[in-house]
Amino acid sequence: MEKLKLRVTIDRPIGFKDGYGNTYPINYGFVPGVIAGDGEEQDVYIISKNATTPLDVFEGILVAVIHRKNDTEDKWVVTSKNELLSKQEISEKTDFLEQYFDSVIELL
């Protein structure tokens, strides 16, 4: 099965500090036009060897969904084509935010 290709707009690049004191170690953004469970555009973590600096946009493939059991929306994980990520890698890279939620990672 072919992976879903996405163009992600980055609104929280590497180094971004949010209002809760979290510093983003990876690029984080959204998919314009795709509405998530919270009524806002779908949030995306970018985890890729090709995204190690702050970015404005990223084109890649959807490889995982982080299902939050205690939140209204899931988070998507996007990487570069032909890159493989394990649940462990995703967990380590997203723990800066996911530590606050009861979530499970589904690889696609």
N, C-alpha and C. Protein backbone atom coordinates (compact mmCIF):
# COMPACT_ATOMS: atom_id res chain seq x y z
N MET A 1 0.85 -1.18 0.00
CA MET A 1 0.00 0.00 0.00
C MET A 1 0.90 1.25 0.00
N GLU A 2 0.55 2.18 -0.85
CA GLU A 2 1.32 3.42 -0.93
C GLU A 2 0.96 4.35 0.22
N LYS A 3 1.97 4.97 0.79
CA LYS A 3 1.78 5.89 1.91
C LYS A 3 1.18 7.21 1.42
N LEU A 4 0.42 7.85 2.29
CA LEU A 4 -0.19 9.14 1.99
C LEU A 4 0.89 10.22 1.97
N LYS A 5 0.99 10.95 0.86
CA LYS A 5 1.95 12.05 0.75
C LYS A 5 1.29 13.33 1.24
N LEU A 6 2.04 14.08 2.05
CA LEU A 6 1.49 15.30 2.66
C LEU A 6 2.46 16.47 2.54
N ARG A 7 1.88 17.65 2.47
CA ARG A 7 2.66 18.90 2.56
C ARG A 7 2.24 19.54 3.88
N VAL A 8 3.20 19.68 4.79
CA VAL A 8 2.93 20.17 6.14
C VAL A 8 3.44 21.60 6.27
N THR A 9 2.61 22.48 6.78
CA THR A 9 3.01 23.85 7.11
C THR A 9 3.54 23.83 8.54
N ILE A 10 4.77 24.29 8.72
CA ILE A 10 5.39 24.28 10.04
C ILE A 10 5.07 25.59 10.75
N ASP A 11 4.39 25.49 11.90
CA ASP A 11 4.10 26.70 12.68
C ASP A 11 4.87 26.71 14.00
N ARG A 12 5.51 25.60 14.32
CA ARG A 12 6.36 25.51 15.52
C ARG A 12 7.67 24.79 15.11
N PRO A 13 8.60 25.56 14.58
CA PRO A 13 9.86 24.96 14.12
C PRO A 13 10.76 24.54 15.29
N ILE A 14 11.77 23.78 14.97
CA ILE A 14 12.76 23.38 15.98
C ILE A 14 13.21 24.61 16.75
N GLY A 15 13.20 24.51 18.09
CA GLY A 15 13.60 25.62 18.96
C GLY A 15 12.44 26.47 19.46
N PHE A 16 11.24 26.29 18.90
CA PHE A 16 10.06 27.05 19.32
C PHE A 16 9.75 26.76 20.78
N LYS A 17 9.42 27.79 21.54
CA LYS A 17 9.00 27.63 22.94
C LYS A 17 7.53 28.01 23.05
N ASP A 18 6.74 27.08 23.58
CA ASP A 18 5.30 27.37 23.72
C ASP A 18 5.00 28.02 25.06
N GLY A 19 3.76 28.36 25.28
CA GLY A 19 3.35 29.05 26.50
C GLY A 19 3.44 28.23 27.77
N TYR A 20 3.69 26.94 27.63
CA TYR A 20 3.81 26.05 28.79
C TYR A 20 5.27 25.76 29.14
N GLY A 21 6.19 26.37 28.39
CA GLY A 21 7.61 26.17 28.65
C GLY A 21 8.24 25.01 27.90
N ASN A 22 7.50 24.40 26.99
CA ASN A 22 8.05 23.31 26.19
C ASN A 22 8.86 23.87 25.03
N THR A 23 10.06 23.35 24.83
CA THR A 23 10.88 23.70 23.68
C THR A 23 10.80 22.56 22.68
N TYR A 24 10.50 22.86 21.44
CA TYR A 24 10.29 21.85 20.42
C TYR A 24 11.62 21.39 19.82
N PRO A 25 11.97 20.11 20.00
CA PRO A 25 13.22 19.58 19.44
C PRO A 25 13.07 19.13 17.99
N ILE A 26 11.82 19.09 17.51
CA ILE A 26 11.53 18.72 16.12
C ILE A 26 10.56 19.73 15.54
N ASN A 27 10.45 19.75 14.22
CA ASN A 27 9.48 20.61 13.56
C ASN A 27 8.08 20.05 13.78
N TYR A 28 7.12 20.95 13.96
CA TYR A 28 5.73 20.58 14.27
C TYR A 28 4.84 21.52 13.47
N GLY A 29 3.84 20.96 12.86
CA GLY A 29 2.97 21.81 12.05
C GLY A 29 1.60 21.21 11.86
N PHE A 30 1.02 21.54 10.70
CA PHE A 30 -0.35 21.10 10.43
C PHE A 30 -0.52 20.88 8.93
N VAL A 31 -1.57 20.12 8.59
CA VAL A 31 -1.92 19.88 7.20
C VAL A 31 -3.07 20.81 6.84
N PRO A 32 -2.82 21.82 6.02
CA PRO A 32 -3.89 22.75 5.65
C PRO A 32 -5.08 22.02 5.02
N GLY A 33 -6.26 22.36 5.50
CA GLY A 33 -7.48 21.81 4.92
C GLY A 33 -7.95 20.49 5.51
N VAL A 34 -7.13 19.85 6.33
CA VAL A 34 -7.53 18.60 6.98
C VAL A 34 -7.89 18.93 8.43
N ILE A 35 -9.15 18.71 8.78
CA ILE A 35 -9.64 19.09 10.10
C ILE A 35 -9.58 17.90 11.05
N ALA A 36 -9.03 18.14 12.23
CA ALA A 36 -8.86 17.10 13.25
C ALA A 36 -10.03 17.11 14.23
N GLY A 37 -9.95 16.25 15.23
CA GLY A 37 -11.02 16.09 16.21
C GLY A 37 -11.31 17.32 17.04
N ASP A 38 -10.35 18.24 17.13
CA ASP A 38 -10.56 19.46 17.91
C ASP A 38 -11.14 20.60 17.08
N GLY A 39 -11.44 20.32 15.80
CA GLY A 39 -12.00 21.34 14.92
C GLY A 39 -10.95 22.22 14.26
N GLU A 40 -9.70 22.01 14.57
CA GLU A 40 -8.58 22.76 13.97
C GLU A 40 -7.90 21.87 12.94
N GLU A 41 -6.97 22.45 12.19
CA GLU A 41 -6.26 21.65 11.19
C GLU A 41 -5.37 20.60 11.87
N GLN A 42 -5.21 19.48 11.19
CA GLN A 42 -4.53 18.31 11.74
C GLN A 42 -3.07 18.61 12.08
N ASP A 43 -2.70 18.35 13.34
CA ASP A 43 -1.33 18.56 13.80
C ASP A 43 -0.43 17.41 13.37
N VAL A 44 0.84 17.75 13.12
CA VAL A 44 1.81 16.78 12.61
C VAL A 44 3.17 16.98 13.26
N TYR A 45 3.76 15.88 13.71
CA TYR A 45 5.16 15.86 14.12
C TYR A 45 5.98 15.49 12.89
N ILE A 46 7.07 16.21 12.64
CA ILE A 46 7.99 15.88 11.55
C ILE A 46 9.21 15.22 12.17
N ILE A 47 9.45 13.97 11.82
CA ILE A 47 10.62 13.25 12.31
C ILE A 47 11.35 12.72 11.08
N SER A 48 12.49 13.34 10.77
CA SER A 48 13.22 12.96 9.57
C SER A 48 14.66 13.42 9.63
N LYS A 49 15.54 12.66 9.03
CA LYS A 49 16.93 13.07 8.88
C LYS A 49 17.04 14.29 7.97
N ASN A 50 15.99 14.55 7.20
CA ASN A 50 15.96 15.69 6.29
C ASN A 50 15.26 16.91 6.89
N ALA A 51 15.03 16.88 8.19
CA ALA A 51 14.33 17.99 8.87
C ALA A 51 14.99 18.28 10.21
N THR A 52 16.29 18.52 10.20
CA THR A 52 17.03 18.74 11.44
C THR A 52 17.29 20.21 11.72
N THR A 53 16.74 21.08 10.90
CA THR A 53 16.83 22.52 11.11
C THR A 53 15.41 23.08 11.07
N PRO A 54 15.19 24.29 11.60
CA PRO A 54 13.85 24.88 11.53
C PRO A 54 13.38 25.03 10.08
N LEU A 55 12.15 24.62 9.82
CA LEU A 55 11.59 24.66 8.48
C LEU A 55 10.30 25.46 8.44
N ASP A 56 9.91 25.86 7.23
CA ASP A 56 8.61 26.51 7.00
C ASP A 56 7.58 25.51 6.49
N VAL A 57 8.03 24.59 5.64
CA VAL A 57 7.17 23.54 5.09
C VAL A 57 7.98 22.25 4.99
N PHE A 58 7.26 21.13 4.92
CA PHE A 58 7.90 19.84 4.77
C PHE A 58 6.99 18.95 3.95
N GLU A 59 7.55 18.27 2.98
CA GLU A 59 6.79 17.31 2.19
C GLU A 59 7.30 15.92 2.51
N GLY A 60 6.38 15.04 2.88
CA GLY A 60 6.78 13.70 3.25
C GLY A 60 5.59 12.76 3.24
N ILE A 61 5.77 11.63 3.92
CA ILE A 61 4.72 10.61 3.95
C ILE A 61 4.27 10.36 5.39
N LEU A 62 3.01 10.05 5.51
CA LEU A 62 2.41 9.73 6.80
C LEU A 62 2.81 8.31 7.18
N VAL A 63 3.49 8.14 8.32
CA VAL A 63 3.97 6.82 8.73
C VAL A 63 3.38 6.33 10.04
N ALA A 64 2.76 7.22 10.81
CA ALA A 64 2.19 6.80 12.09
C ALA A 64 1.13 7.79 12.56
N VAL A 65 0.28 7.29 13.44
CA VAL A 65 -0.71 8.13 14.11
C VAL A 65 -0.53 7.90 15.61
N ILE A 66 -0.47 8.99 16.35
CA ILE A 66 -0.42 8.91 17.81
C ILE A 66 -1.84 9.16 18.30
N HIS A 67 -2.44 8.10 18.84
CA HIS A 67 -3.81 8.19 19.35
C HIS A 67 -3.75 8.61 20.81
N ARG A 68 -4.34 9.74 21.11
CA ARG A 68 -4.41 10.22 22.49
C ARG A 68 -5.73 9.78 23.11
N LYS A 69 -5.62 8.98 24.16
CA LYS A 69 -6.81 8.46 24.82
C LYS A 69 -7.51 9.52 25.65
N ASN A 70 -6.77 10.55 26.08
CA ASN A 70 -7.35 11.57 26.94
C ASN A 70 -7.32 12.95 26.28
N ASP A 71 -7.54 12.97 24.97
CA ASP A 71 -7.60 14.22 24.22
C ASP A 71 -8.55 14.02 23.04
N THR A 72 -8.98 15.11 22.44
CA THR A 72 -9.96 15.02 21.36
C THR A 72 -9.35 14.79 19.98
N GLU A 73 -8.03 14.85 19.89
CA GLU A 73 -7.43 14.67 18.57
C GLU A 73 -6.21 13.77 18.60
N ASP A 74 -5.95 13.16 17.47
CA ASP A 74 -4.75 12.36 17.27
C ASP A 74 -3.69 13.25 16.65
N LYS A 75 -2.45 12.83 16.74
CA LYS A 75 -1.33 13.53 16.10
C LYS A 75 -0.77 12.62 15.03
N TRP A 76 -0.40 13.20 13.90
CA TRP A 76 0.18 12.43 12.81
C TRP A 76 1.69 12.57 12.86
N VAL A 77 2.38 11.56 12.33
CA VAL A 77 3.83 11.57 12.22
C VAL A 77 4.20 11.43 10.76
N VAL A 78 5.00 12.39 10.27
CA VAL A 78 5.40 12.41 8.87
C VAL A 78 6.92 12.37 8.80
N THR A 79 7.42 11.63 7.82
CA THR A 79 8.86 11.54 7.58
C THR A 79 9.13 11.61 6.08
N SER A 80 10.38 11.54 5.71
CA SER A 80 10.74 11.53 4.29
C SER A 80 10.46 10.17 3.68
N LYS A 81 10.22 10.17 2.39
CA LYS A 81 10.00 8.93 1.66
C LYS A 81 11.21 8.03 1.86
N ASN A 82 10.97 6.74 2.03
CA ASN A 82 12.00 5.71 2.21
C ASN A 82 12.69 5.76 3.56
N GLU A 83 12.22 6.57 4.50
CA GLU A 83 12.73 6.55 5.87
C GLU A 83 11.80 5.69 6.70
N LEU A 84 12.38 4.86 7.54
CA LEU A 84 11.59 4.02 8.44
C LEU A 84 11.77 4.51 9.87
N LEU A 85 10.69 4.55 10.62
CA LEU A 85 10.73 4.94 12.02
C LEU A 85 10.12 3.83 12.86
N SER A 86 10.72 3.56 14.01
CA SER A 86 10.15 2.59 14.95
C SER A 86 9.26 3.34 15.95
N LYS A 87 8.43 2.58 16.64
CA LYS A 87 7.61 3.18 17.70
C LYS A 87 8.51 3.83 18.75
N GLN A 88 9.63 3.19 19.06
CA GLN A 88 10.57 3.71 20.05
C GLN A 88 11.12 5.07 19.60
N GLU A 89 11.53 5.19 18.33
CA GLU A 89 12.06 6.46 17.82
C GLU A 89 11.00 7.55 17.90
N ILE A 90 9.79 7.21 17.50
CA ILE A 90 8.69 8.18 17.53
C ILE A 90 8.42 8.60 18.97
N SER A 91 8.37 7.64 19.86
CA SER A 91 8.12 7.94 21.28
C SER A 91 9.19 8.88 21.84
N GLU A 92 10.44 8.59 21.56
CA GLU A 92 11.54 9.42 22.07
C GLU A 92 11.48 10.84 21.52
N LYS A 93 11.17 10.99 20.25
CA LYS A 93 11.16 12.32 19.62
C LYS A 93 9.94 13.16 19.99
N THR A 94 8.84 12.50 20.37
CA THR A 94 7.61 13.23 20.68
C THR A 94 7.31 13.33 22.17
N ASP A 95 8.15 12.74 22.99
CA ASP A 95 7.91 12.71 24.43
C ASP A 95 7.84 14.11 25.06
N PHE A 96 8.47 15.09 24.45
CA PHE A 96 8.44 16.45 25.00
C PHE A 96 7.01 16.96 25.15
N LEU A 97 6.08 16.46 24.32
CA LEU A 97 4.66 16.81 24.47
C LEU A 97 3.81 15.61 24.90
N GLU A 98 4.09 14.46 24.35
CA GLU A 98 3.25 13.29 24.60
C GLU A 98 3.34 12.80 26.04
N GLN A 99 4.36 13.23 26.78
CA GLN A 99 4.47 12.84 28.19
C GLN A 99 3.26 13.29 29.01
N TYR A 100 2.54 14.27 28.51
CA TYR A 100 1.39 14.80 29.23
C TYR A 100 0.08 14.08 28.89
N PHE A 101 0.15 13.09 27.99
CA PHE A 101 -1.05 12.42 27.51
C PHE A 101 -0.91 10.90 27.62
N ASP A 102 -2.03 10.24 27.68
CA ASP A 102 -2.08 8.79 27.62
C ASP A 102 -2.27 8.44 26.15
N SER A 103 -1.18 8.06 25.49
CA SER A 103 -1.26 7.86 24.05
C SER A 103 -0.59 6.56 23.62
N VAL A 104 -1.01 6.09 22.44
CA VAL A 104 -0.41 4.91 21.82
C VAL A 104 -0.05 5.26 20.39
N ILE A 105 1.02 4.65 19.90
CA ILE A 105 1.51 4.90 18.55
C ILE A 105 1.08 3.77 17.64
N GLU A 106 0.47 4.11 16.52
CA GLU A 106 0.09 3.15 15.50
C GLU A 106 0.94 3.40 14.27
N LEU A 107 1.79 2.42 13.92
CA LEU A 107 2.56 2.53 12.68
C LEU A 107 1.64 2.19 11.51
N LEU A 108 1.81 2.90 10.41
CA LEU A 108 0.98 2.66 9.23
C LEU A 108 1.74 1.91 8.16
